[in-house]
Amino acid sequence: MRLTMTLVLIAIGVVVLALGARMYLSGHQTPAGQPPLANLATTSLDTLKTEFNRSSDGVRLILLLSPT
C-alpha cells in the first residue's frame, strides 16, 4: 500500500514537472492587438523609456517581478 502511494506521488510529480516545462519552453503569446512581450535588459532600457513616454495619455504601469 505504501509503495503504491509513493509511486502515485512520483507519477503526479513527473506530470506536474512535464507540464511546467512545456509551458516554459513553448514560448509566450499575447492576445491579438497587444504588442508582444519584451525582455527587460540594460540594453533595452532606452526602448522601454521611449515606449513608456509615447503613451502618456493613458494609464501606464510597470511591474517588476523578482524570483527572490
Protein backbone atom coordinates (compact mmCIF):
# COMPACT_ATOMS: atom_id res chain seq x y z
CA MET A 1 0.00 0.00 0.00
CA ARG A 2 2.81 2.41 0.92
CA LEU A 3 4.74 1.57 -2.27
CA THR A 4 1.63 2.24 -4.38
CA MET A 5 1.12 5.64 -2.74
CA THR A 6 4.77 6.53 -3.31
CA LEU A 7 4.53 5.59 -6.99
CA VAL A 8 1.35 7.65 -7.39
CA LEU A 9 3.02 10.70 -5.83
CA ILE A 10 6.09 10.28 -8.03
CA ALA A 11 3.87 10.00 -11.12
CA ILE A 12 1.97 13.15 -10.16
CA GLY A 13 5.25 14.99 -9.61
CA VAL A 14 6.56 13.92 -13.02
CA VAL A 15 3.35 15.07 -14.72
CA VAL A 16 3.45 18.45 -12.95
CA LEU A 17 7.11 18.96 -13.90
CA ALA A 18 6.43 17.95 -17.51
CA LEU A 19 3.52 20.39 -17.79
CA GLY A 20 5.59 23.17 -16.24
CA ALA A 21 8.46 22.53 -18.64
CA ARG A 22 6.07 22.52 -21.58
CA MET A 23 4.58 25.87 -20.57
CA TYR A 24 8.03 27.38 -20.04
CA LEU A 25 9.53 26.11 -23.28
CA SER A 26 6.52 26.65 -25.56
CA GLY A 27 7.01 30.42 -25.72
CA HIS A 28 4.81 33.26 -24.66
CA GLN A 29 1.93 34.62 -26.67
CA THR A 30 -0.02 37.81 -26.16
CA PRO A 31 -3.66 38.43 -27.06
CA ALA A 32 -4.50 39.82 -30.51
CA GLY A 33 -3.98 43.57 -30.69
CA GLN A 34 -1.48 43.65 -27.84
CA PRO A 35 2.20 44.23 -28.58
CA PRO A 36 4.45 41.24 -27.92
CA LEU A 37 6.13 40.79 -24.55
CA ALA A 38 9.62 42.19 -24.23
CA ASN A 39 12.58 41.11 -22.15
CA LEU A 40 13.97 43.85 -19.97
CA ALA A 41 17.75 44.20 -20.11
CA THR A 42 20.21 47.03 -19.70
CA THR A 43 20.46 47.30 -23.48
CA SER A 44 16.69 47.76 -23.89
CA LEU A 45 16.09 50.48 -21.29
CA ASP A 46 16.04 53.28 -23.86
CA THR A 47 13.38 51.43 -25.85
CA LEU A 48 11.33 50.93 -22.68
CA LYS A 49 11.58 54.64 -21.84
CA THR A 50 10.50 55.65 -25.34
CA GLU A 51 7.52 53.28 -25.38
CA PHE A 52 6.51 54.31 -21.86
CA ASN A 53 6.58 58.03 -22.71
CA ARG A 54 4.79 57.50 -26.02
CA SER A 55 1.54 56.51 -24.30
CA SER A 56 1.37 59.35 -21.80
CA ASP A 57 -2.35 59.91 -22.41
CA GLY A 58 -3.37 56.63 -20.74
CA VAL A 59 -2.71 54.66 -17.60
CA ARG A 60 0.80 53.20 -17.55
CA LEU A 61 2.11 50.51 -15.27
CA ILE A 62 5.50 48.83 -14.95
CA LEU A 63 5.55 45.62 -12.94
CA LEU A 64 8.94 44.24 -11.96
CA LEU A 65 8.98 40.73 -10.53
CA SER A 66 11.93 39.07 -8.90
CA PRO A 67 12.27 35.33 -8.23
CA THR A 68 13.92 36.00 -4.88
